[in-house]
């Protein structure tokens, strides 16, 4: 059974940094694409960043140049390094595993950026 567990969220001041981690159980990780999404209260879920099993990355426009997604296949973990955080980055950040035709999601980790 595939499970995703996120960690690393918290409260940070504007301009600060956080690193999120998402660890996947099972032996599927190295063969699948992964992504980070976020959802703020009253807003739709938004793409933050994705990384293919081959390491190709893609970012949402609002985080380009500030966030970096990476993966460590030996640790079954995908990371999201977030720098220059802004109050509008405040949201629940969710990790997604793309195992078409099915997606798996983590439970989310809260990131709060104070001004």
Protein backbone atom coordinates (compact mmCIF):
# COMPACT_ATOMS: atom_id res chain seq x y z
CA UNK A 1 0.00 0.00 0.00
CA UNK A 2 1.34 3.41 -0.97
CA UNK A 3 1.47 6.05 1.76
CA UNK A 4 2.85 9.57 1.65
CA UNK A 5 3.95 11.41 4.78
CA UNK A 6 4.82 15.12 4.63
CA UNK A 7 6.85 17.02 7.19
CA UNK A 8 8.70 20.28 7.61
CA UNK A 9 5.90 22.81 7.72
CA UNK A 10 5.64 25.52 10.33
CA UNK A 11 5.53 29.22 11.05
CA UNK A 12 8.14 31.47 9.47
CA UNK A 13 8.57 35.19 8.95
CA UNK A 14 8.38 36.72 5.50
CA UNK A 15 11.70 36.37 3.73
CA UNK A 16 12.52 33.17 5.57
CA UNK A 17 12.97 29.61 4.35
CA UNK A 18 11.52 26.18 4.99
CA UNK A 19 12.19 22.74 3.55
CA UNK A 20 9.34 20.30 3.18
CA UNK A 21 9.82 16.56 2.87
CA UNK A 22 7.50 13.85 1.60
CA UNK A 23 8.46 10.24 2.19
CA UNK A 24 6.75 7.45 0.28
CA UNK A 25 6.30 3.90 1.49
CA UNK A 26 6.75 0.97 -0.86
CA UNK A 27 9.05 0.40 -3.81
CA UNK A 28 7.24 2.49 -6.41
CA UNK A 29 8.93 5.84 -5.77
CA UNK A 30 11.79 5.76 -8.29
CA UNK A 31 9.41 4.97 -11.16
CA UNK A 32 6.83 7.71 -10.64
CA UNK A 33 6.45 11.45 -10.99
CA UNK A 34 5.95 13.50 -7.84
CA UNK A 35 4.51 16.90 -7.09
CA UNK A 36 3.80 19.51 -4.47
CA UNK A 37 0.50 21.37 -4.41
CA UNK A 38 -0.96 23.85 -1.98
CA UNK A 39 -4.37 24.95 -0.85
CA UNK A 40 -5.18 28.11 1.02
CA UNK A 41 -8.54 28.68 2.75
CA UNK A 42 -11.23 29.57 0.25
CA UNK A 43 -8.95 28.98 -2.74
CA UNK A 44 -8.53 26.20 -5.27
CA UNK A 45 -5.71 23.73 -4.99
CA UNK A 46 -2.68 25.12 -6.83
CA UNK A 47 0.31 23.48 -8.49
CA UNK A 48 3.57 24.39 -6.76
CA UNK A 49 6.11 22.13 -8.44
CA UNK A 50 6.51 18.74 -10.05
CA UNK A 51 9.42 16.45 -10.74
CA UNK A 52 9.40 13.49 -13.10
CA UNK A 53 10.97 10.13 -12.31
CA UNK A 54 13.81 11.29 -14.56
CA UNK A 55 14.33 14.53 -12.65
CA UNK A 56 12.67 17.05 -14.96
CA UNK A 57 11.11 19.85 -12.95
CA UNK A 58 8.25 22.26 -13.48
CA UNK A 59 7.07 25.16 -11.30
CA UNK A 60 4.01 27.27 -10.81
CA UNK A 61 4.50 30.87 -11.90
CA UNK A 62 4.07 32.23 -8.38
CA UNK A 63 7.04 30.25 -6.98
CA UNK A 64 9.52 30.26 -9.87
CA UNK A 65 12.94 31.41 -8.74
CA UNK A 66 12.08 30.96 -5.05
CA UNK A 67 11.21 27.28 -4.62
CA UNK A 68 13.18 24.20 -5.65
CA UNK A 69 11.85 20.66 -5.90
CA UNK A 70 14.22 17.70 -5.70
CA UNK A 71 14.10 13.99 -5.01
CA UNK A 72 16.28 11.33 -3.41
CA UNK A 73 15.29 7.94 -4.78
CA UNK A 74 17.48 6.15 -2.23
CA UNK A 75 15.38 7.68 0.55
CA UNK A 76 12.01 7.52 -1.25
CA UNK A 77 11.69 11.23 -0.52
CA UNK A 78 10.82 14.36 -2.45
CA UNK A 79 11.76 17.77 -1.09
CA UNK A 80 10.54 21.31 -1.55
CA UNK A 81 13.03 24.01 -0.61
CA UNK A 82 11.16 27.27 -0.14
CA UNK A 83 13.11 30.52 0.02
CA UNK A 84 12.07 34.16 0.16
CA UNK A 85 8.72 33.15 1.58
CA UNK A 86 5.81 35.59 1.35
CA UNK A 87 2.58 35.80 3.35
CA UNK A 88 0.70 34.69 0.24
CA UNK A 89 2.59 31.38 0.38
CA UNK A 90 0.56 30.50 3.47
CA UNK A 91 -1.34 27.27 2.77
CA UNK A 92 -1.53 23.57 3.42
CA UNK A 93 1.12 21.93 1.24
CA UNK A 94 0.31 18.50 -0.12
CA UNK A 95 2.50 15.91 -1.74
CA UNK A 96 1.19 13.94 -4.71
CA UNK A 97 2.37 10.72 -6.32
CA UNK A 98 1.34 10.20 -9.92
CA UNK A 99 0.77 6.51 -10.58
CA UNK A 100 -1.59 6.88 -13.53
CA UNK A 101 -4.41 6.11 -13.62
CA UNK A 102 -4.39 6.67 -9.88
CA UNK A 103 -2.96 9.53 -7.78
CA UNK A 104 -1.94 9.26 -4.15
CA UNK A 105 -1.94 12.23 -1.78
CA UNK A 106 -0.38 12.93 1.58
CA UNK A 107 -2.26 14.45 4.49
CA UNK A 108 -0.64 17.86 4.04
CA UNK A 109 1.57 20.08 6.15
CA UNK A 110 0.71 23.65 7.16
CA UNK A 111 2.99 26.49 6.16
CA UNK A 112 2.27 29.89 7.66
CA UNK A 113 4.24 32.97 6.68
CA UNK A 114 3.86 36.02 8.88
CA UNK A 115 4.37 39.55 7.62
